N, C-alpha and C. Protein backbone atom coordinates (compact mmCIF):
# COMPACT_ATOMS: atom_id res chain seq x y z
N UNK A 1 0.81 -1.18 0.00
CA UNK A 1 0.00 0.00 0.00
C UNK A 1 0.87 1.26 0.00
N UNK A 2 1.98 1.22 0.68
CA UNK A 2 2.85 2.38 0.74
C UNK A 2 3.44 2.71 -0.63
N UNK A 3 3.77 1.71 -1.40
CA UNK A 3 4.32 1.94 -2.74
C UNK A 3 3.29 2.61 -3.63
N UNK A 4 2.05 2.26 -3.45
CA UNK A 4 0.97 2.86 -4.24
C UNK A 4 0.85 4.36 -3.93
N UNK A 5 1.10 4.76 -2.71
CA UNK A 5 1.05 6.18 -2.33
C UNK A 5 2.33 6.91 -2.71
N UNK A 6 3.43 6.21 -2.78
CA UNK A 6 4.71 6.84 -3.05
C UNK A 6 4.80 7.40 -4.47
N UNK A 7 4.31 6.67 -5.46
CA UNK A 7 4.39 7.12 -6.84
C UNK A 7 3.61 8.43 -7.07
N UNK A 8 2.34 8.54 -6.66
CA UNK A 8 1.64 9.83 -6.84
C UNK A 8 2.31 10.97 -6.08
N UNK A 9 2.83 10.68 -4.91
CA UNK A 9 3.51 11.71 -4.13
C UNK A 9 4.77 12.18 -4.85
N UNK A 10 5.51 11.26 -5.42
CA UNK A 10 6.71 11.59 -6.17
C UNK A 10 6.37 12.42 -7.40
N UNK A 11 5.33 12.05 -8.13
CA UNK A 11 4.90 12.82 -9.30
C UNK A 11 4.44 14.22 -8.92
N UNK A 12 3.76 14.33 -7.79
CA UNK A 12 3.31 15.63 -7.31
C UNK A 12 4.50 16.53 -6.99
N UNK A 13 5.52 15.98 -6.34
CA UNK A 13 6.72 16.76 -6.01
C UNK A 13 7.45 17.19 -7.28
N UNK A 14 7.52 16.31 -8.27
CA UNK A 14 8.18 16.62 -9.53
C UNK A 14 7.44 17.75 -10.25
N UNK A 15 6.12 17.67 -10.30
CA UNK A 15 5.32 18.72 -10.95
C UNK A 15 5.44 20.04 -10.20
N UNK A 16 5.45 19.99 -8.89
CA UNK A 16 5.57 21.20 -8.09
C UNK A 16 6.92 21.87 -8.34
N UNK A 17 7.97 21.09 -8.43
CA UNK A 17 9.31 21.64 -8.69
C UNK A 17 9.39 22.30 -10.06
N UNK A 18 8.78 21.69 -11.06
CA UNK A 18 8.75 22.27 -12.40
C UNK A 18 7.94 23.56 -12.40
N UNK A 19 6.82 23.56 -11.70
CA UNK A 19 5.98 24.76 -11.64
C UNK A 19 6.71 25.89 -10.92
N UNK A 20 7.47 25.58 -9.90
CA UNK A 20 8.21 26.60 -9.17
C UNK A 20 9.26 27.25 -10.08
N UNK A 21 9.98 26.44 -10.86
CA UNK A 21 11.00 26.98 -11.75
C UNK A 21 10.36 27.88 -12.80
N UNK A 22 9.24 27.48 -13.34
CA UNK A 22 8.53 28.27 -14.33
C UNK A 22 7.97 29.54 -13.71
N UNK A 23 7.44 29.46 -12.52
CA UNK A 23 6.82 30.63 -11.92
C UNK A 23 7.86 31.70 -11.57
N UNK A 24 9.09 31.30 -11.30
CA UNK A 24 10.13 32.29 -11.01
C UNK A 24 10.38 33.15 -12.25
N UNK A 25 10.45 32.53 -13.42
CA UNK A 25 10.64 33.26 -14.67
C UNK A 25 9.41 34.12 -14.96
N UNK A 26 8.23 33.58 -14.69
CA UNK A 26 6.99 34.33 -14.91
C UNK A 26 6.91 35.53 -13.97
N UNK A 27 7.33 35.34 -12.73
CA UNK A 27 7.34 36.47 -11.78
C UNK A 27 8.30 37.55 -12.24
N UNK A 28 9.44 37.15 -12.76
CA UNK A 28 10.40 38.10 -13.30
C UNK A 28 9.80 38.85 -14.48
N UNK A 29 9.10 38.12 -15.36
CA UNK A 29 8.44 38.75 -16.50
C UNK A 29 7.41 39.77 -16.02
N UNK A 30 6.59 39.38 -15.05
CA UNK A 30 5.58 40.30 -14.52
C UNK A 30 6.22 41.56 -13.97
N UNK A 31 7.32 41.41 -13.24
CA UNK A 31 7.99 42.56 -12.64
C UNK A 31 8.59 43.47 -13.71
N UNK A 32 9.19 42.87 -14.74
CA UNK A 32 9.79 43.66 -15.81
C UNK A 32 8.71 44.44 -16.55
N UNK A 33 7.57 43.81 -16.80
CA UNK A 33 6.48 44.52 -17.49
C UNK A 33 5.95 45.67 -16.64
N UNK A 34 5.84 45.46 -15.34
CA UNK A 34 5.41 46.54 -14.44
C UNK A 34 6.44 47.67 -14.42
N UNK A 35 7.71 47.31 -14.34
CA UNK A 35 8.78 48.31 -14.32
C UNK A 35 8.80 49.12 -15.62
N UNK A 36 8.60 48.43 -16.73
CA UNK A 36 8.59 49.11 -18.04
C UNK A 36 7.43 50.10 -18.11
N UNK A 37 6.25 49.67 -17.68
CA UNK A 37 5.08 50.55 -17.69
C UNK A 37 5.33 51.77 -16.81
N UNK A 38 5.86 51.56 -15.62
CA UNK A 38 6.14 52.67 -14.71
C UNK A 38 7.21 53.61 -15.27
N UNK A 39 8.20 53.04 -15.93
CA UNK A 39 9.25 53.87 -16.52
C UNK A 39 8.70 54.75 -17.63
N UNK A 40 7.87 54.17 -18.49
CA UNK A 40 7.26 54.98 -19.55
C UNK A 40 6.37 56.07 -18.95
N UNK A 41 5.59 55.69 -17.95
CA UNK A 41 4.61 56.61 -17.38
C UNK A 41 5.28 57.74 -16.60
N UNK A 42 6.28 57.42 -15.80
CA UNK A 42 6.85 58.42 -14.90
C UNK A 42 8.27 58.83 -15.25
N UNK A 43 9.01 57.99 -15.94
CA UNK A 43 10.41 58.29 -16.22
C UNK A 43 10.65 58.84 -17.61
N UNK A 44 9.86 58.41 -18.55
CA UNK A 44 10.03 58.88 -19.91
C UNK A 44 10.64 57.83 -20.83
N UNK A 45 10.60 58.18 -22.10
CA UNK A 45 11.04 57.24 -23.13
C UNK A 45 12.55 57.00 -23.10
N UNK A 46 13.31 58.02 -22.78
CA UNK A 46 14.77 57.83 -22.77
C UNK A 46 15.20 56.84 -21.69
N UNK A 47 14.54 56.87 -20.55
CA UNK A 47 14.86 55.89 -19.50
C UNK A 47 14.42 54.48 -19.91
N UNK A 48 13.39 54.40 -20.73
CA UNK A 48 12.89 53.10 -21.18
C UNK A 48 13.85 52.42 -22.15
N UNK A 49 14.81 53.16 -22.68
CA UNK A 49 15.80 52.56 -23.58
C UNK A 49 16.55 51.40 -22.93
N UNK A 50 16.69 51.45 -21.61
CA UNK A 50 17.45 50.41 -20.90
C UNK A 50 16.76 49.05 -20.96
N UNK A 51 15.48 49.00 -21.33
CA UNK A 51 14.77 47.73 -21.43
C UNK A 51 15.00 47.05 -22.78
N UNK A 52 15.48 47.80 -23.74
CA UNK A 52 15.68 47.26 -25.09
C UNK A 52 16.96 46.44 -25.14
N UNK A 53 16.88 45.30 -25.81
CA UNK A 53 18.04 44.43 -25.97
C UNK A 53 19.22 45.23 -26.53
N UNK A 54 20.40 45.13 -25.90
CA UNK A 54 21.57 45.89 -26.38
C UNK A 54 21.90 45.64 -27.85
N UNK A 55 21.71 44.41 -28.32
CA UNK A 55 21.99 44.11 -29.73
C UNK A 55 21.02 44.86 -30.64
N UNK A 56 19.77 44.98 -30.21
CA UNK A 56 18.77 45.72 -31.00
C UNK A 56 19.12 47.21 -31.00
N UNK A 57 19.52 47.73 -29.84
CA UNK A 57 19.91 49.15 -29.76
C UNK A 57 21.10 49.44 -30.65
N UNK A 58 22.05 48.51 -30.69
CA UNK A 58 23.25 48.71 -31.51
C UNK A 58 22.92 48.60 -32.99
N UNK A 59 22.09 47.64 -33.36
CA UNK A 59 21.74 47.43 -34.76
C UNK A 59 20.84 48.54 -35.30
N UNK A 60 19.95 49.07 -34.46
CA UNK A 60 19.01 50.11 -34.89
C UNK A 60 18.98 51.25 -33.88
N UNK A 61 20.02 52.07 -33.86
CA UNK A 61 20.02 53.18 -32.91
C UNK A 61 18.88 54.16 -33.22
N UNK A 62 18.36 54.79 -32.19
CA UNK A 62 17.26 55.74 -32.37
C UNK A 62 17.84 57.06 -32.87
N UNK A 63 17.33 57.55 -34.00
CA UNK A 63 17.84 58.82 -34.53
C UNK A 63 17.57 59.98 -33.57
N UNK A 64 18.43 60.98 -33.63
CA UNK A 64 18.30 62.15 -32.75
C UNK A 64 16.95 62.84 -32.92
N UNK A 65 16.43 62.87 -34.15
CA UNK A 65 15.14 63.53 -34.38
C UNK A 65 14.01 62.79 -33.64
N UNK A 66 14.09 61.46 -33.59
CA UNK A 66 13.09 60.69 -32.85
C UNK A 66 13.22 60.92 -31.35
N UNK A 67 14.46 60.99 -30.86
CA UNK A 67 14.66 61.28 -29.43
C UNK A 67 14.07 62.64 -29.06
N UNK A 68 14.22 63.62 -29.95
CA UNK A 68 13.64 64.94 -29.66
C UNK A 68 12.11 64.87 -29.66
N UNK A 69 11.53 64.03 -30.49
CA UNK A 69 10.07 63.84 -30.49
C UNK A 69 9.61 63.21 -29.17
N UNK A 70 10.37 62.25 -28.69
CA UNK A 70 10.02 61.61 -27.41
C UNK A 70 10.07 62.63 -26.26
N UNK A 71 10.99 63.58 -26.36
CA UNK A 71 11.09 64.60 -25.30
C UNK A 71 9.92 65.58 -25.32
N UNK A 72 9.20 65.65 -26.43
CA UNK A 72 8.09 66.60 -26.57
C UNK A 72 6.76 66.05 -26.06
N UNK A 73 6.76 64.82 -25.59
CA UNK A 73 5.51 64.21 -25.13
C UNK A 73 5.70 63.59 -23.75
N UNK A 74 4.58 63.34 -23.11
CA UNK A 74 4.60 62.57 -21.86
C UNK A 74 3.48 61.53 -21.94
N UNK A 75 3.61 60.51 -21.17
CA UNK A 75 2.63 59.42 -21.16
C UNK A 75 1.58 59.72 -20.10
N UNK A 76 0.31 59.75 -20.50
CA UNK A 76 -0.76 60.02 -19.55
C UNK A 76 -1.33 58.73 -18.96
N UNK A 77 -1.30 57.65 -19.73
CA UNK A 77 -1.72 56.36 -19.20
C UNK A 77 -1.09 55.25 -20.02
N UNK A 78 -1.04 54.07 -19.42
CA UNK A 78 -0.46 52.89 -20.05
C UNK A 78 -1.31 51.70 -19.64
N UNK A 79 -1.99 51.10 -20.59
CA UNK A 79 -2.83 49.92 -20.32
C UNK A 79 -2.35 48.78 -21.21
N UNK A 80 -1.86 47.72 -20.59
CA UNK A 80 -1.36 46.57 -21.35
C UNK A 80 -2.27 45.37 -21.13
N UNK A 81 -2.45 44.62 -22.19
CA UNK A 81 -3.17 43.35 -22.08
C UNK A 81 -2.23 42.31 -21.49
N UNK A 82 -2.79 41.20 -21.09
CA UNK A 82 -1.96 40.11 -20.56
C UNK A 82 -1.01 39.61 -21.63
N UNK A 83 0.20 39.23 -21.23
CA UNK A 83 1.17 38.73 -22.21
C UNK A 83 0.68 37.46 -22.89
N UNK A 84 1.02 37.32 -24.15
CA UNK A 84 0.72 36.11 -24.92
C UNK A 84 2.03 35.38 -25.15
N UNK A 85 2.08 34.14 -24.74
CA UNK A 85 3.29 33.34 -24.88
C UNK A 85 3.43 32.87 -26.33
N UNK A 86 4.58 33.19 -26.93
CA UNK A 86 4.86 32.77 -28.30
C UNK A 86 5.72 31.50 -28.27
N UNK A 87 6.68 31.48 -27.37
CA UNK A 87 7.54 30.31 -27.18
C UNK A 87 8.03 30.34 -25.74
N UNK A 88 8.93 29.41 -25.39
CA UNK A 88 9.45 29.37 -24.03
C UNK A 88 10.23 30.63 -23.66
N UNK A 89 10.76 31.31 -24.67
CA UNK A 89 11.59 32.48 -24.40
C UNK A 89 11.04 33.77 -25.01
N UNK A 90 9.81 33.75 -25.50
CA UNK A 90 9.28 34.95 -26.14
C UNK A 90 7.81 35.16 -25.80
N UNK A 91 7.48 36.41 -25.53
CA UNK A 91 6.09 36.79 -25.29
C UNK A 91 5.79 38.03 -26.12
N UNK A 92 4.50 38.26 -26.31
CA UNK A 92 4.05 39.48 -26.97
C UNK A 92 3.03 40.17 -26.08
N UNK A 93 3.10 41.50 -26.08
CA UNK A 93 2.20 42.31 -25.26
C UNK A 93 1.63 43.41 -26.16
N UNK A 94 0.33 43.61 -26.05
CA UNK A 94 -0.33 44.70 -26.76
C UNK A 94 -0.70 45.75 -25.72
N UNK A 95 -0.20 46.98 -25.91
CA UNK A 95 -0.43 48.04 -24.93
C UNK A 95 -1.04 49.26 -25.61
N UNK A 96 -1.94 49.90 -24.89
CA UNK A 96 -2.52 51.16 -25.33
C UNK A 96 -1.91 52.26 -24.47
N UNK A 97 -1.34 53.27 -25.13
CA UNK A 97 -0.61 54.30 -24.42
C UNK A 97 -1.20 55.67 -24.78
N UNK A 98 -1.55 56.43 -23.76
CA UNK A 98 -1.99 57.81 -23.97
C UNK A 98 -0.77 58.70 -24.00
N UNK A 99 -0.63 59.48 -25.07
CA UNK A 99 0.52 60.36 -25.25
C UNK A 99 0.02 61.80 -25.35
N UNK A 100 0.56 62.67 -24.49
CA UNK A 100 0.16 64.08 -24.48
C UNK A 100 1.33 64.93 -24.97
N UNK A 101 1.05 65.79 -25.95
CA UNK A 101 2.05 66.72 -26.45
C UNK A 101 2.24 67.82 -25.41
N UNK A 102 3.49 68.05 -25.00
CA UNK A 102 3.78 69.05 -23.97
C UNK A 102 3.40 70.47 -24.38
N UNK A 103 3.46 70.76 -25.68
CA UNK A 103 3.22 72.12 -26.15
C UNK A 103 1.73 72.40 -26.37
N UNK A 104 1.06 71.48 -27.05
CA UNK A 104 -0.36 71.71 -27.38
C UNK A 104 -1.32 71.12 -26.35
N UNK A 105 -0.81 70.25 -25.49
CA UNK A 105 -1.61 69.54 -24.49
C UNK A 105 -2.68 68.65 -25.14
N UNK A 106 -2.51 68.32 -26.40
CA UNK A 106 -3.43 67.40 -27.06
C UNK A 106 -2.98 65.97 -26.79
N UNK A 107 -3.97 65.12 -26.58
CA UNK A 107 -3.69 63.72 -26.27
C UNK A 107 -4.13 62.84 -27.42
N UNK A 108 -3.37 61.81 -27.66
CA UNK A 108 -3.78 60.79 -28.63
C UNK A 108 -3.36 59.43 -28.11
N UNK A 109 -3.89 58.43 -28.74
CA UNK A 109 -3.65 57.05 -28.31
C UNK A 109 -2.69 56.37 -29.28
N UNK A 110 -1.72 55.68 -28.71
CA UNK A 110 -0.76 54.91 -29.49
C UNK A 110 -0.93 53.44 -29.10
N UNK A 111 -1.02 52.57 -30.08
CA UNK A 111 -1.06 51.13 -29.82
C UNK A 111 0.34 50.58 -30.04
N UNK A 112 0.87 49.95 -29.02
CA UNK A 112 2.24 49.43 -29.06
C UNK A 112 2.21 47.91 -29.02
N UNK A 113 2.77 47.30 -30.06
CA UNK A 113 2.89 45.84 -30.12
C UNK A 113 4.31 45.48 -29.72
N UNK A 114 4.45 44.92 -28.53
CA UNK A 114 5.76 44.64 -27.96
C UNK A 114 6.11 43.16 -28.09
N UNK A 115 7.37 42.92 -28.36
CA UNK A 115 7.91 41.56 -28.34
C UNK A 115 9.03 41.53 -27.30
N UNK A 116 8.92 40.61 -26.36
CA UNK A 116 9.91 40.45 -25.29
C UNK A 116 10.55 39.07 -25.42
N UNK A 117 11.87 39.02 -25.15
CA UNK A 117 12.62 37.76 -25.22
C UNK A 117 13.34 37.53 -23.90
N UNK A 118 13.26 36.30 -23.42
CA UNK A 118 13.97 35.94 -22.19
C UNK A 118 15.37 35.47 -22.54
N UNK A 119 16.36 36.06 -21.91
CA UNK A 119 17.76 35.70 -22.11
C UNK A 119 18.16 34.75 -20.98
N UNK A 120 18.34 33.48 -21.31
CA UNK A 120 18.68 32.47 -20.32
C UNK A 120 20.02 32.78 -19.64
N UNK A 121 20.97 33.28 -20.41
CA UNK A 121 22.30 33.56 -19.86
C UNK A 121 22.24 34.71 -18.86
N UNK A 122 21.57 35.79 -19.23
CA UNK A 122 21.47 36.97 -18.37
C UNK A 122 20.37 36.85 -17.32
N UNK A 123 19.48 35.89 -17.51
CA UNK A 123 18.33 35.70 -16.61
C UNK A 123 17.48 36.97 -16.53
N UNK A 124 17.15 37.52 -17.71
CA UNK A 124 16.31 38.71 -17.75
C UNK A 124 15.54 38.79 -19.07
N UNK A 125 14.49 39.59 -19.05
CA UNK A 125 13.66 39.82 -20.23
C UNK A 125 14.14 41.08 -20.94
N UNK A 126 14.22 41.01 -22.28
CA UNK A 126 14.61 42.15 -23.10
C UNK A 126 13.49 42.51 -24.06
N UNK A 127 13.27 43.79 -24.25
CA UNK A 127 12.32 44.28 -25.24
C UNK A 127 12.99 44.24 -26.60
N UNK A 128 12.40 43.53 -27.54
CA UNK A 128 12.99 43.37 -28.87
C UNK A 128 12.39 44.31 -29.90
N UNK A 129 11.19 44.81 -29.64
CA UNK A 129 10.46 45.60 -30.63
C UNK A 129 10.77 47.09 -30.58
N UNK A 130 11.56 47.53 -29.63
CA UNK A 130 11.91 48.93 -29.55
C UNK A 130 10.85 49.77 -28.85
N UNK A 131 11.10 51.07 -28.80
CA UNK A 131 10.16 51.99 -28.14
C UNK A 131 8.88 52.14 -28.96
N UNK A 132 7.81 52.55 -28.33
CA UNK A 132 6.56 52.76 -29.06
C UNK A 132 6.74 53.82 -30.16
N UNK A 133 6.05 53.63 -31.25
CA UNK A 133 6.08 54.62 -32.34
C UNK A 133 5.03 55.68 -32.03
N UNK A 134 5.49 56.88 -31.72
CA UNK A 134 4.57 57.92 -31.29
C UNK A 134 4.16 58.87 -32.41
N UNK A 135 4.82 58.73 -33.57
CA UNK A 135 4.45 59.57 -34.70
C UNK A 135 3.25 58.96 -35.41
N UNK A 136 2.53 59.76 -36.17
CA UNK A 136 1.35 59.25 -36.86
C UNK A 136 1.73 58.35 -38.03
N UNK A 137 2.97 58.45 -38.50
CA UNK A 137 3.44 57.57 -39.56
C UNK A 137 3.78 56.22 -38.98
N UNK A 138 3.16 55.18 -39.46
CA UNK A 138 3.43 53.83 -38.92
C UNK A 138 4.04 52.97 -39.98
């Protein structure tokens, strides 16, 4: 009878251990997404550059004219949908961002389609899609 109880108990422990390892990465993802939202909302776009994968930043640096456009606006709100898992190391997030022009005080909505990748070596999530496109040209 004891052997019959041992196998389910062993399977339960194995599943719990796997769930714990996965949840640690998921908790990290949740925290990074919250930090990114707070940085956009309160810190600005230039501070949000630190979330972008360094290889992406190097391959596609943000032009000075775009940086000046980011300085002319502030984020009034940031609403993101739940992340969608694409693979074990990639998620996608759809976010609606309210952007207010500092000079005219006019607000408009920007839809940002984000792609995030988990770096196993660094143990962190990187934004692969870059900063939100705030110009009307898409």
